[in-house]
Amino acid sequence: MEVTSDAHGIIWATTFNAGLLIRFDITTEQFSYYHAPSTGAGTGGMYGLLAANNNTPWITVPAENAIGCFDTTTQHFTYYRIPTDGSSPLGIAMDAKNFLWFTEAGSNKIGQLQPSL
């Protein structure tokens, strides 16, 4: 669905149907695939994507009604549930103060998350 790069030149991509976060290292030309956890709440996978200032990938997960963070060291996803039922988060951005902003396509809102980075 979306593609971005981090400060190290690593390319990240989200997949919607497969629920995979893909990492491509352009130096080694190697792909890595990370399966996002699912609670079975719905179908589909990841959508929005950004690489934060510390190179941490953040994703939107519409079927889980959540914003996700991928820890590249532990290779573990952490989900932050959105309190609006059926919000269907899609786009995501980070501002200068490290606040995450995301669209709630299902509720016609914009949400905010202040992660601890």
PDB file of N, CA and C in Angstrom:
ATOM      1  N   MET A   1       0.818  -1.200   0.000  1.00  0.00           N
ATOM      2  CA  MET A   1       0.000   0.000   0.000  1.00  0.00           C
ATOM      3  C   MET A   1       0.858   1.260   0.000  1.00  0.00           C
ATOM      4  N   GLU A   2       1.813   1.335   0.947  1.00  0.00           N
ATOM      5  CA  GLU A   2       2.640   2.548   1.019  1.00  0.00           C
ATOM      6  C   GLU A   2       4.107   2.169   1.165  1.00  0.00           C
ATOM      7  N   VAL A   3       4.967   3.113   0.789  1.00  0.00           N
ATOM      8  CA  VAL A   3       6.418   2.913   0.824  1.00  0.00           C
ATOM      9  C   VAL A   3       7.046   4.150   1.439  1.00  0.00           C
ATOM     10  N   THR A   4       8.096   3.921   2.256  1.00  0.00           N
ATOM     11  CA  THR A   4       8.880   5.029   2.799  1.00  0.00           C
ATOM     12  C   THR A   4      10.306   4.540   3.011  1.00  0.00           C
ATOM     13  N   SER A   5      11.202   5.453   3.315  1.00  0.00           N
ATOM     14  CA  SER A   5      12.566   5.060   3.667  1.00  0.00           C
ATOM     15  C   SER A   5      12.932   5.725   4.985  1.00  0.00           C
ATOM     16  N   ASP A   6      13.841   5.078   5.722  1.00  0.00           N
ATOM     17  CA  ASP A   6      14.291   5.674   6.973  1.00  0.00           C
ATOM     18  C   ASP A   6      15.629   6.377   6.757  1.00  0.00           C
ATOM     19  N   ALA A   7      16.186   6.931   7.807  1.00  0.00           N
ATOM     20  CA  ALA A   7      17.430   7.702   7.695  1.00  0.00           C
ATOM     21  C   ALA A   7      18.630   6.844   7.309  1.00  0.00           C
ATOM     22  N   HIS A   8      18.505   5.523   7.461  1.00  0.00           N
ATOM     23  CA  HIS A   8      19.594   4.615   7.087  1.00  0.00           C
ATOM     24  C   HIS A   8      19.464   4.126   5.648  1.00  0.00           C
ATOM     25  N   GLY A   9      18.439   4.599   4.954  1.00  0.00           N
ATOM     26  CA  GLY A   9      18.224   4.180   3.572  1.00  0.00           C
ATOM     27  C   GLY A   9      17.485   2.869   3.426  1.00  0.00           C
ATOM     28  N   ILE A  10      16.962   2.357   4.521  1.00  0.00           N
ATOM     29  CA  ILE A  10      16.157   1.133   4.468  1.00  0.00           C
ATOM     30  C   ILE A  10      14.791   1.499   3.887  1.00  0.00           C
ATOM     31  N   ILE A  11      14.311   0.691   2.964  1.00  0.00           N
ATOM     32  CA  ILE A  11      13.001   0.884   2.358  1.00  0.00           C
ATOM     33  C   ILE A  11      11.997   0.019   3.107  1.00  0.00           C
ATOM     34  N   TRP A  12      10.887   0.612   3.487  1.00  0.00           N
ATOM     35  CA  TRP A  12       9.803  -0.083   4.181  1.00  0.00           C
ATOM     36  C   TRP A  12       8.551   0.001   3.325  1.00  0.00           C
ATOM     37  N   ALA A  13       7.727  -1.055   3.351  1.00  0.00           N
ATOM     38  CA  ALA A  13       6.468  -1.065   2.611  1.00  0.00           C
ATOM     39  C   ALA A  13       5.421  -1.834   3.401  1.00  0.00           C
ATOM     40  N   THR A  14       4.173  -1.410   3.260  1.00  0.00           N
ATOM     41  CA  THR A  14       3.056  -2.132   3.873  1.00  0.00           C
ATOM     42  C   THR A  14       2.304  -2.900   2.801  1.00  0.00           C
ATOM     43  N   THR A  15       1.697  -4.004   3.221  1.00  0.00           N
ATOM     44  CA  THR A  15       0.809  -4.763   2.342  1.00  0.00           C
ATOM     45  C   THR A  15      -0.556  -4.812   2.997  1.00  0.00           C
ATOM     46  N   PHE A  16      -1.576  -4.650   2.205  1.00  0.00           N
ATOM     47  CA  PHE A  16      -2.915  -4.612   2.786  1.00  0.00           C
ATOM     48  C   PHE A  16      -3.485  -6.013   2.989  1.00  0.00           C
ATOM     49  N   ASN A  17      -3.527  -6.814   1.968  1.00  0.00           N
ATOM     50  CA  ASN A  17      -4.156  -8.128   2.086  1.00  0.00           C
ATOM     51  C   ASN A  17      -3.310  -9.145   2.840  1.00  0.00           C
ATOM     52  N   ALA A  18      -1.996  -9.074   2.705  1.00  0.00           N
ATOM     53  CA  ALA A  18      -1.130 -10.070   3.333  1.00  0.00           C
ATOM     54  C   ALA A  18      -0.779  -9.745   4.784  1.00  0.00           C
ATOM     55  N   GLY A  19      -0.987  -8.518   5.234  1.00  0.00           N
ATOM     56  CA  GLY A  19      -0.649  -8.149   6.605  1.00  0.00           C
ATOM     57  C   GLY A  19       0.839  -8.218   6.885  1.00  0.00           C
ATOM     58  N   LEU A  20       1.640  -7.843   5.901  1.00  0.00           N
ATOM     59  CA  LEU A  20       3.093  -7.884   6.061  1.00  0.00           C
ATOM     60  C   LEU A  20       3.688  -6.486   6.054  1.00  0.00           C
ATOM     61  N   LEU A  21       4.690  -6.299   6.891  1.00  0.00           N
ATOM     62  CA  LEU A  21       5.567  -5.146   6.810  1.00  0.00           C
ATOM     63  C   LEU A  21       6.826  -5.661   6.120  1.00  0.00           C
ATOM     64  N   ILE A  22       7.209  -4.992   5.051  1.00  0.00           N
ATOM     65  CA  ILE A  22       8.357  -5.445   4.269  1.00  0.00           C
ATOM     66  C   ILE A  22       9.510  -4.461   4.450  1.00  0.00           C
ATOM     67  N   ARG A  23      10.695  -5.016   4.636  1.00  0.00           N
ATOM     68  CA  ARG A  23      11.924  -4.229   4.786  1.00  0.00           C
ATOM     69  C   ARG A  23      12.861  -4.625   3.656  1.00  0.00           C
ATOM     70  N   PHE A  24      13.401  -3.634   2.960  1.00  0.00           N
ATOM     71  CA  PHE A  24      14.375  -3.898   1.904  1.00  0.00           C
ATOM     72  C   PHE A  24      15.631  -3.090   2.186  1.00  0.00           C
ATOM     73  N   ASP A  25      16.739  -3.797   2.359  1.00  0.00           N
ATOM     74  CA  ASP A  25      18.034  -3.168   2.591  1.00  0.00           C
ATOM     75  C   ASP A  25      18.706  -3.017   1.237  1.00  0.00           C
ATOM     76  N   ILE A  26      18.839  -1.789   0.781  1.00  0.00           N
ATOM     77  CA  ILE A  26      19.386  -1.570  -0.558  1.00  0.00           C
ATOM     78  C   ILE A  26      20.874  -1.906  -0.639  1.00  0.00           C
ATOM     79  N   THR A  27      21.572  -1.897   0.495  1.00  0.00           N
ATOM     80  CA  THR A  27      22.999  -2.224   0.502  1.00  0.00           C
ATOM     81  C   THR A  27      23.219  -3.715   0.270  1.00  0.00           C
ATOM     82  N   THR A  28      22.468  -4.531   0.990  1.00  0.00           N
ATOM     83  CA  THR A  28      22.630  -5.988   0.874  1.00  0.00           C
ATOM     84  C   THR A  28      21.668  -6.599  -0.143  1.00  0.00           C
ATOM     85  N   GLU A  29      20.716  -5.794  -0.622  1.00  0.00           N
ATOM     86  CA  GLU A  29      19.675  -6.250  -1.545  1.00  0.00           C
ATOM     87  C   GLU A  29      18.863  -7.409  -0.964  1.00  0.00           C
ATOM     88  N   GLN A  30      18.609  -7.345   0.342  1.00  0.00           N
ATOM     89  CA  GLN A  30      17.867  -8.384   1.044  1.00  0.00           C
ATOM     90  C   GLN A  30      16.510  -7.879   1.501  1.00  0.00           C
ATOM     91  N   PHE A  31      15.499  -8.699   1.329  1.00  0.00           N
ATOM     92  CA  PHE A  31      14.156  -8.424   1.831  1.00  0.00           C
ATOM     93  C   PHE A  31      13.951  -9.151   3.148  1.00  0.00           C
ATOM     94  N   SER A  32      13.202  -8.536   4.062  1.00  0.00           N
ATOM     95  CA  SER A  32      12.746  -9.178   5.294  1.00  0.00           C
ATOM     96  C   SER A  32      11.249  -8.931   5.385  1.00  0.00           C
ATOM     97  N   TYR A  33      10.523  -9.921   5.912  1.00  0.00           N
ATOM     98  CA  TYR A  33       9.066  -9.845   5.990  1.00  0.00           C
ATOM     99  C   TYR A  33       8.633 -10.047   7.440  1.00  0.00           C
ATOM    100  N   TYR A  34       7.751  -9.183   7.906  1.00  0.00           N
ATOM    101  CA  TYR A  34       7.279  -9.245   9.280  1.00  0.00           C
ATOM    102  C   TYR A  34       5.753  -9.309   9.270  1.00  0.00           C
ATOM    103  N   HIS A  35       5.206 -10.372   9.856  1.00  0.00           N
ATOM    104  CA  HIS A  35       3.763 -10.556   9.915  1.00  0.00           C
ATOM    105  C   HIS A  35       3.188  -9.794  11.101  1.00  0.00           C
ATOM    106  N   ALA A  36       2.225  -8.952  10.829  1.00  0.00           N
ATOM    107  CA  ALA A  36       1.551  -8.207  11.899  1.00  0.00           C
ATOM    108  C   ALA A  36       0.593  -9.133  12.628  1.00  0.00           C
ATOM    109  N   PRO A  37       0.503  -8.996  13.943  1.00  0.00           N
ATOM    110  CA  PRO A  37      -0.447  -9.824  14.687  1.00  0.00           C
ATOM    111  C   PRO A  37      -1.878  -9.436  14.350  1.00  0.00           C
ATOM    112  N   SER A  38      -2.771 -10.399  14.454  1.00  0.00           N
ATOM    113  CA  SER A  38      -4.183 -10.146  14.178  1.00  0.00           C
ATOM    114  C   SER A  38      -5.027 -10.764  15.270  1.00  0.00           C
ATOM    115  N   THR A  39      -6.041 -10.050  15.688  1.00  0.00           N
ATOM    116  CA  THR A  39      -6.972 -10.584  16.685  1.00  0.00           C
ATOM    117  C   THR A  39      -8.156 -11.248  16.002  1.00  0.00           C
ATOM    118  N   GLY A  40      -8.156 -11.235  14.669  1.00  0.00           N
ATOM    119  CA  GLY A  40      -9.282 -11.798  13.932  1.00  0.00           C
ATOM    120  C   GLY A  40     -10.457 -10.849  13.868  1.00  0.00           C
ATOM    121  N   ALA A  41     -10.201  -9.579  14.203  1.00  0.00           N
ATOM    122  CA  ALA A  41     -11.278  -8.586  14.235  1.00  0.00           C
ATOM    123  C   ALA A  41     -11.809  -8.265  12.846  1.00  0.00           C
ATOM    124  N   GLY A  42     -11.016  -8.501  11.832  1.00  0.00           N
ATOM    125  CA  GLY A  42     -11.452  -8.184  10.475  1.00  0.00           C
ATOM    126  C   GLY A  42     -10.434  -8.672   9.472  1.00  0.00           C
ATOM    127  N   THR A  43     -10.700  -8.411   8.217  1.00  0.00           N
ATOM    128  CA  THR A  43      -9.776  -8.820   7.177  1.00  0.00           C
ATOM    129  C   THR A  43      -8.946  -7.624   6.733  1.00  0.00           C
ATOM    130  N   GLY A  44      -7.862  -7.911   6.101  1.00  0.00           N
ATOM    131  CA  GLY A  44      -6.994  -6.838   5.631  1.00  0.00           C
ATOM    132  C   GLY A  44      -5.814  -6.671   6.548  1.00  0.00           C
ATOM    133  N   GLY A  45      -4.900  -5.844   6.136  1.00  0.00           N
ATOM    134  CA  GLY A  45      -3.680  -5.682   6.905  1.00  0.00           C
ATOM    135  C   GLY A  45      -3.351  -4.242   7.150  1.00  0.00           C
ATOM    136  N   MET A  46      -2.135  -3.906   6.826  1.00  0.00           N
ATOM    137  CA  MET A  46      -1.616  -2.569   7.090  1.00  0.00           C
ATOM    138  C   MET A  46      -1.953  -1.626   5.942  1.00  0.00           C
ATOM    139  N   TYR A  47      -1.938  -0.351   6.269  1.00  0.00           N
ATOM    140  CA  TYR A  47      -2.183   0.639   5.236  1.00  0.00           C
ATOM    141  C   TYR A  47      -1.123   1.733   5.320  1.00  0.00           C
ATOM    142  N   GLY A  48      -1.354   2.754   6.163  1.00  0.00           N
ATOM    143  CA  GLY A  48      -0.427   3.878   6.264  1.00  0.00           C
ATOM    144  C   GLY A  48       0.913   3.481   6.846  1.00  0.00           C
ATOM    145  N   LEU A  49       1.937   4.282   6.534  1.00  0.00           N
ATOM    146  CA  LEU A  49       3.294   3.956   6.955  1.00  0.00           C
ATOM    147  C   LEU A  49       4.129   5.224   7.067  1.00  0.00           C
ATOM    148  N   LEU A  50       4.958   5.276   8.106  1.00  0.00           N
ATOM    149  CA  LEU A  50       5.973   6.324   8.206  1.00  0.00           C
ATOM    150  C   LEU A  50       7.149   5.783   8.990  1.00  0.00           C
ATOM    151  N   ALA A  51       8.319   6.330   8.723  1.00  0.00           N
ATOM    152  CA  ALA A  51       9.515   6.015   9.499  1.00  0.00           C
ATOM    153  C   ALA A  51       9.764   7.221  10.398  1.00  0.00           C
ATOM    154  N   ALA A  52       9.652   7.022  11.710  1.00  0.00           N
ATOM    155  CA  ALA A  52       9.819   8.108  12.673  1.00  0.00           C
ATOM    156  C   ALA A  52      11.267   8.583  12.705  1.00  0.00           C
ATOM    157  N   ASN A  53      11.498   9.656  13.440  1.00  0.00           N
ATOM    158  CA  ASN A  53      12.832  10.249  13.550  1.00  0.00           C
ATOM    159  C   ASN A  53      13.875   9.254  14.041  1.00  0.00           C
ATOM    160  N   ASN A  54      13.462   8.274  14.818  1.00  0.00           N
ATOM    161  CA  ASN A  54      14.391   7.262  15.317  1.00  0.00           C
ATOM    162  C   ASN A  54      14.387   6.007  14.433  1.00  0.00           C
ATOM    163  N   ASN A  55      13.846   6.132  13.217  1.00  0.00           N
ATOM    164  CA  ASN A  55      13.775   5.063  12.223  1.00  0.00           C
ATOM    165  C   ASN A  55      12.778   3.962  12.567  1.00  0.00           C
ATOM    166  N   THR A  56      11.937   4.179  13.543  1.00  0.00           N
ATOM    167  CA  THR A  56      10.909   3.220  13.901  1.00  0.00           C
ATOM    168  C   THR A  56       9.758   3.297  12.911  1.00  0.00           C
ATOM    169  N   PRO A  57       9.386   2.173  12.291  1.00  0.00           N
ATOM    170  CA  PRO A  57       8.219   2.181  11.406  1.00  0.00           C
ATOM    171  C   PRO A  57       6.914   2.219  12.206  1.00  0.00           C
ATOM    172  N   TRP A  58       6.015   3.104  11.809  1.00  0.00           N
ATOM    173  CA  TRP A  58       4.666   3.206  12.358  1.00  0.00           C
ATOM    174  C   TRP A  58       3.698   2.905  11.230  1.00  0.00           C
ATOM    175  N   ILE A  59       2.631   2.163  11.548  1.00  0.00           N
ATOM    176  CA  ILE A  59       1.666   1.743  10.543  1.00  0.00           C
ATOM    177  C   ILE A  59       0.243   1.990  11.031  1.00  0.00           C
ATOM    178  N   THR A  60      -0.674   2.076  10.094  1.00  0.00           N
ATOM    179  CA  THR A  60      -2.082   2.038  10.461  1.00  0.00           C
ATOM    180  C   THR A  60      -2.603   0.642  10.124  1.00  0.00           C
ATOM    181  N   VAL A  61      -3.475   0.127  10.983  1.00  0.00           N
ATOM    182  CA  VAL A  61      -4.015  -1.223  10.812  1.00  0.00           C
ATOM    183  C   VAL A  61      -5.538  -1.127  10.894  1.00  0.00           C
ATOM    184  N   PRO A  62      -6.197  -0.851   9.770  1.00  0.00           N
ATOM    185  CA  PRO A  62      -7.641  -0.609   9.784  1.00  0.00           C
ATOM    186  C   PRO A  62      -8.466  -1.738  10.397  1.00  0.00           C
ATOM    187  N   ALA A  63      -8.159  -2.986  10.072  1.00  0.00           N
ATOM    188  CA  ALA A  63      -8.955  -4.113  10.570  1.00  0.00           C
ATOM    189  C   ALA A  63      -8.853  -4.271  12.085  1.00  0.00           C
ATOM    190  N   GLU A  64      -7.764  -3.801  12.663  1.00  0.00           N
ATOM    191  CA  GLU A  64      -7.566  -3.887  14.112  1.00  0.00           C
ATOM    192  C   GLU A  64      -7.956  -2.595  14.813  1.00  0.00           C
ATOM    193  N   ASN A  65      -8.352  -1.574  14.021  1.00  0.00           N
ATOM    194  CA  ASN A  65      -8.701  -0.271  14.574  1.00  0.00           C
ATOM    195  C   ASN A  65      -7.564   0.247  15.461  1.00  0.00           C
ATOM    196  N   ALA A  66      -6.351   0.216  14.879  1.00  0.00           N
ATOM    197  CA  ALA A  66      -5.168   0.515  15.684  1.00  0.00           C
ATOM    198  C   ALA A  66      -4.073   1.195  14.866  1.00  0.00           C
ATOM    199  N   ILE A  67      -3.177   1.838  15.625  1.00  0.00           N
ATOM    200  CA  ILE A  67      -1.915   2.332  15.107  1.00  0.00           C
ATOM    201  C   ILE A  67      -0.868   1.358  15.633  1.00  0.00           C
ATOM    202  N   GLY A  68       0.043   0.947  14.774  1.00  0.00           N
ATOM    203  CA  GLY A  68       1.048  -0.017  15.180  1.00  0.00           C
ATOM    204  C   GLY A  68       2.449   0.551  15.085  1.00  0.00           C
ATOM    205  N   CYS A  69       3.304   0.049  15.942  1.00  0.00           N
ATOM    206  CA  CYS A  69       4.715   0.423  15.971  1.00  0.00           C
ATOM    207  C   CYS A  69       5.515  -0.874  15.868  1.00  0.00           C
ATOM    208  N   PHE A  70       6.546  -0.871  15.037  1.00  0.00           N
ATOM    209  CA  PHE A  70       7.391  -2.052  14.887  1.00  0.00           C
ATOM    210  C   PHE A  70       8.756  -1.779  15.489  1.00  0.00           C
ATOM    211  N   ASP A  71       9.119  -2.551  16.505  1.00  0.00           N
ATOM    212  CA  ASP A  71      10.426  -2.427  17.147  1.00  0.00           C
ATOM    213  C   ASP A  71      11.423  -3.230  16.321  1.00  0.00           C
ATOM    214  N   THR A  72      12.360  -2.553  15.676  1.00  0.00           N
ATOM    215  CA  THR A  72      13.299  -3.227  14.784  1.00  0.00           C
ATOM    216  C   THR A  72      14.312  -4.088  15.530  1.00  0.00           C
ATOM    217  N   THR A  73      14.521  -3.828  16.818  1.00  0.00           N
ATOM    218  CA  THR A  73      15.463  -4.619  17.606  1.00  0.00           C
ATOM    219  C   THR A  73      14.846  -5.945  18.018  1.00  0.00           C
ATOM    220  N   THR A  74      13.630  -5.892  18.580  1.00  0.00           N
ATOM    221  CA  THR A  74      12.968  -7.118  19.046  1.00  0.00           C
ATOM    222  C   THR A  74      12.116  -7.765  17.958  1.00  0.00           C
ATOM    223  N   GLN A  75      11.890  -7.051  16.860  1.00  0.00           N
ATOM    224  CA  GLN A  75      11.028  -7.488  15.769  1.00  0.00           C
ATOM    225  C   GLN A  75       9.624  -7.817  16.287  1.00  0.00           C
ATOM    226  N   HIS A  76       9.122  -6.893  17.097  1.00  0.00           N
ATOM    227  CA  HIS A  76       7.823  -7.046  17.742  1.00  0.00           C
ATOM    228  C   HIS A  76       6.941  -5.844  17.411  1.00  0.00           C
ATOM    229  N   PHE A  77       5.673  -6.106  17.120  1.00  0.00           N
ATOM    230  CA  PHE A  77       4.693  -5.060  16.898  1.00  0.00           C
ATOM    231  C   PHE A  77       3.992  -4.710  18.204  1.00  0.00           C
ATOM    232  N   THR A  78       3.735  -3.437  18.418  1.00  0.00           N
ATOM    233  CA  THR A  78       2.902  -2.968  19.519  1.00  0.00           C
ATOM    234  C   THR A  78       1.750  -2.199  18.901  1.00  0.00           C
ATOM    235  N   TYR A  79       0.524  -2.526  19.313  1.00  0.00           N
ATOM    236  CA  TYR A  79      -0.663  -1.842  18.797  1.00  0.00           C
ATOM    237  C   TYR A  79      -1.196  -0.866  19.835  1.00  0.00           C
ATOM    238  N   TYR A  80      -1.632   0.281  19.355  1.00  0.00           N
ATOM    239  CA  TYR A  80      -2.301   1.286  20.165  1.00  0.00           C
ATOM    240  C   TYR A  80      -3.724   1.394  19.626  1.00  0.00           C
ATOM    241  N   ARG A  81      -4.663   0.906  20.397  1.00  0.00           N
ATOM    242  CA  ARG A  81      -6.066   0.881  19.966  1.00  0.00           C
ATOM    243  C   ARG A  81      -6.624   2.294  19.888  1.00  0.00           C
ATOM    244  N   ILE A  82      -7.438   2.519  18.879  1.00  0.00           N
ATOM    245  CA  ILE A  82      -8.110   3.801  18.700  1.00  0.00           C
ATOM    246  C   ILE A  82      -9.463   3.717  19.399  1.00  0.00           C
ATOM    247  N   PRO A  83      -9.805   4.675  20.254  1.00  0.00           N
ATOM    248  CA  PRO A  83     -11.051   4.582  21.021  1.00  0.00           C
ATOM    249  C   PRO A  83     -12.324   4.719  20.187  1.00  0.00           C
ATOM    250  N   THR A  84     -12.246   5.280  19.002  1.00  0.00           N
ATOM    251  CA  THR A  84     -13.420   5.419  18.141  1.00  0.00           C
ATOM    252  C   THR A  84     -13.694   4.089  17.448  1.00  0.00           C
ATOM    253  N   ASP A  85     -14.837   3.462  17.732  1.00  0.00           N
ATOM    254  CA  ASP A  85     -15.189   2.210  17.071  1.00  0.00           C
ATOM    255  C   ASP A  85     -15.278   2.409  15.565  1.00  0.00           C
ATOM    256  N   GLY A  86     -14.723   1.461  14.812  1.00  0.00           N
ATOM    257  CA  GLY A  86     -14.808   1.505  13.357  1.00  0.00           C
ATOM    258  C   GLY A  86     -14.117   2.690  12.724  1.00  0.00           C
ATOM    259  N   SER A  87     -13.053   3.194  13.343  1.00  0.00           N
ATOM    260  CA  SER A  87     -12.400   4.404  12.830  1.00  0.00           C
ATOM    261  C   SER A  87     -11.707   4.183  11.487  1.00  0.00           C
ATOM    262  N   SER A  88     -11.253   2.965  11.219  1.00  0.00           N
ATOM    263  CA  SER A  88     -10.571   2.631   9.967  1.00  0.00           C
ATOM    264  C   SER A  88      -9.418   3.603   9.679  1.00  0.00           C
ATOM    265  N   PRO A  89      -8.343   3.562  10.488  1.00  0.00           N
ATOM    266  CA  PRO A  89      -7.216   4.476  10.280  1.00  0.00           C
ATOM    267  C   PRO A  89      -6.501   4.175   8.959  1.00  0.00           C
ATOM    268  N   LEU A  90      -6.188   5.224   8.218  1.00  0.00           N
ATOM    269  CA  LEU A  90      -5.500   5.038   6.934  1.00  0.00           C
ATOM    270  C   LEU A  90      -4.195   5.815   6.879  1.00  0.00           C
ATOM    271  N   GLY A  91      -4.235   7.134   6.709  1.00  0.00           N
ATOM    272  CA  GLY A  91      -3.025   7.934   6.602  1.00  0.00           C
ATOM    273  C   GLY A  91      -2.402   8.193   7.955  1.00  0.00           C
ATOM    274  N   ILE A  92      -1.083   8.409   7.967  1.00  0.00           N
ATOM    275  CA  ILE A  92      -0.380   8.679   9.218  1.00  0.00           C
ATOM    276  C   ILE A  92       0.794   9.627   8.949  1.00  0.00           C
ATOM    277  N   ALA A  93       1.038  10.540   9.893  1.00  0.00           N
ATOM    278  CA  ALA A  93       2.145  11.498   9.795  1.00  0.00           C
ATOM    279  C   ALA A  93       2.643  11.809  11.199  1.00  0.00           C
ATOM    280  N   MET A  94       3.876  12.313  11.296  1.00  0.00           N
ATOM    281  CA  MET A  94       4.445  12.713  12.579  1.00  0.00           C
ATOM    282  C   MET A  94       4.837  14.178  12.492  1.00  0.00           C
ATOM    283  N   ASP A  95       4.485  14.938  13.540  1.00  0.00           N
ATOM    284  CA  ASP A  95       4.840  16.358  13.538  1.00  0.00           C
ATOM    285  C   ASP A  95       6.197  16.584  14.219  1.00  0.00           C
ATOM    286  N   ALA A  96       6.615  17.824  14.308  1.00  0.00           N
ATOM    287  CA  ALA A  96       7.924  18.178  14.853  1.00  0.00           C
ATOM    288  C   ALA A  96       8.081  17.838  16.334  1.00  0.00           C
ATOM    289  N   LYS A  97       6.961  17.665  17.050  1.00  0.00           N
ATOM    290  CA  LYS A  97       7.013  17.316  18.468  1.00  0.00           C
ATOM    291  C   LYS A  97       6.827  15.818  18.690  1.00  0.00           C
ATOM    292  N   ASN A  98       6.918  15.029  17.615  1.00  0.00           N
ATOM    293  CA  ASN A  98       6.779  13.569  17.644  1.00  0.00           C
ATOM    294  C   ASN A  98       5.377  13.084  17.985  1.00  0.00           C
ATOM    295  N   PHE A  99       4.371  13.918  17.749  1.00  0.00           N
ATOM    296  CA  PHE A  99       2.999  13.465  17.859  1.00  0.00           C
ATOM    297  C   PHE A  99       2.628  12.775  16.557  1.00  0.00           C
ATOM    298  N   LEU A 100       1.926  11.661  16.653  1.00  0.00           N
ATOM    299  CA  LEU A 100       1.412  10.989  15.463  1.00  0.00           C
ATOM    300  C   LEU A 100       0.008  11.498  15.183  1.00  0.00           C
ATOM    301  N   TRP A 101      -0.273  11.758  13.916  1.00  0.00           N
ATOM    302  CA  TRP A 101      -1.588  12.179  13.465  1.00  0.00           C
ATOM    303  C   TRP A 101      -2.052  11.159  12.436  1.00  0.00           C
ATOM    304  N   PHE A 102      -3.319  10.775  12.515  1.00  0.00           N
ATOM    305  CA  PHE A 102      -3.820   9.767  11.593  1.00  0.00           C
ATOM    306  C   PHE A 102      -5.266  10.069  11.211  1.00  0.00           C
ATOM    307  N   THR A 103      -5.598   9.650  10.013  1.00  0.00           N
ATOM    308  CA  THR A 103      -6.976   9.823   9.554  1.00  0.00           C
ATOM    309  C   THR A 103      -7.830   8.667  10.041  1.00  0.00           C
ATOM    310  N   GLU A 104      -9.068   8.972  10.383  1.00  0.00           N
ATOM    311  CA  GLU A 104     -10.050   7.965  10.755  1.00  0.00           C
ATOM    312  C   GLU A 104     -11.107   7.971   9.654  1.00  0.00           C
ATOM    313  N   ALA A 105     -10.849   7.207   8.599  1.00  0.00           N
ATOM    314  CA  ALA A 105     -11.722   7.216   7.423  1.00  0.00           C
ATOM    315  C   ALA A 105     -13.131   6.746   7.747  1.00  0.00           C
ATOM    316  N   GLY A 106     -13.273   5.825   8.691  1.00  0.00           N
ATOM    317  CA  GLY A 106     -14.589   5.294   9.028  1.00  0.00           C
ATOM    318  C   GLY A 106     -15.431   6.210   9.889  1.00  0.00           C
ATOM    319  N   SER A 107     -14.817   7.214  10.508  1.00  0.00           N
ATOM    320  CA  SER A 107     -15.568   8.111  11.391  1.00  0.00           C
ATOM    321  C   SER A 107     -15.416   9.577  10.988  1.00  0.00           C
ATOM    322  N   ASN A 108     -14.705   9.817   9.890  1.00  0.00           N
ATOM    323  CA  ASN A 108     -14.524  11.177   9.374  1.00  0.00           C
ATOM    324  C   ASN A 108     -13.876  12.099  10.411  1.00  0.00           C
ATOM    325  N   LYS A 109     -12.799  11.585  11.043  1.00  0.00           N
ATOM    326  CA  LYS A 109     -12.073  12.335  12.071  1.00  0.00           C
ATOM    327  C   LYS A 109     -10.576  12.277  11.804  1.00  0.00           C
ATOM    328  N   ILE A 110      -9.844  13.078  12.554  1.00  0.00           N
ATOM    329  CA  ILE A 110      -8.386  12.991  12.621  1.00  0.00           C
ATOM    330  C   ILE A 110      -8.038  12.673  14.064  1.00  0.00           C
ATOM    331  N   GLY A 111      -7.164  11.679  14.254  1.00  0.00           N
ATOM    332  CA  GLY A 111      -6.758  11.280  15.605  1.00  0.00           C
ATOM    333  C   GLY A 111      -5.324  11.649  15.870  1.00  0.00           C
ATOM    334  N   GLN A 112      -4.955  11.623  17.152  1.00  0.00           N
ATOM    335  CA  GLN A 112      -3.600  11.970  17.579  1.00  0.00           C
ATOM    336  C   GLN A 112      -3.127  10.963  18.615  1.00  0.00           C
ATOM    337  N   LEU A 113      -1.845  10.608  18.537  1.00  0.00           N
ATOM    338  CA  LEU A 113      -1.224   9.713  19.498  1.00  0.00           C
ATOM    339  C   LEU A 113       0.119  10.310  19.857  1.00  0.00           C
ATOM    340  N   GLN A 114       0.428  10.380  21.157  1.00  0.00           N
ATOM    341  CA  GLN A 114       1.735  10.832  21.594  1.00  0.00           C
ATOM    342  C   GLN A 114       2.504   9.613  22.086  1.00  0.00           C
ATOM    343  N   PRO A 115       3.311   9.038  21.206  1.00  0.00           N
ATOM    344  CA  PRO A 115       4.059   7.836  21.619  1.00  0.00           C
ATOM    345  C   PRO A 115       5.261   8.202  22.472  1.00  0.00           C
ATOM    346  N   SER A 116       5.693   7.258  23.265  1.00  0.00           N
ATOM    347  CA  SER A 116       6.938   7.457  24.013  1.00  0.00           C
ATOM    348  C   SER A 116       8.045   6.848  23.153  1.00  0.00           C
ATOM    349  N   LEU A 117       8.880   7.710  22.609  1.00  0.00           N
ATOM    350  CA  LEU A 117       9.934   7.235  21.696  1.00  0.00           C
ATOM    351  C   LEU A 117      11.226   7.071  22.414  1.00  0.00           C
TER     352      LEU A 117
END
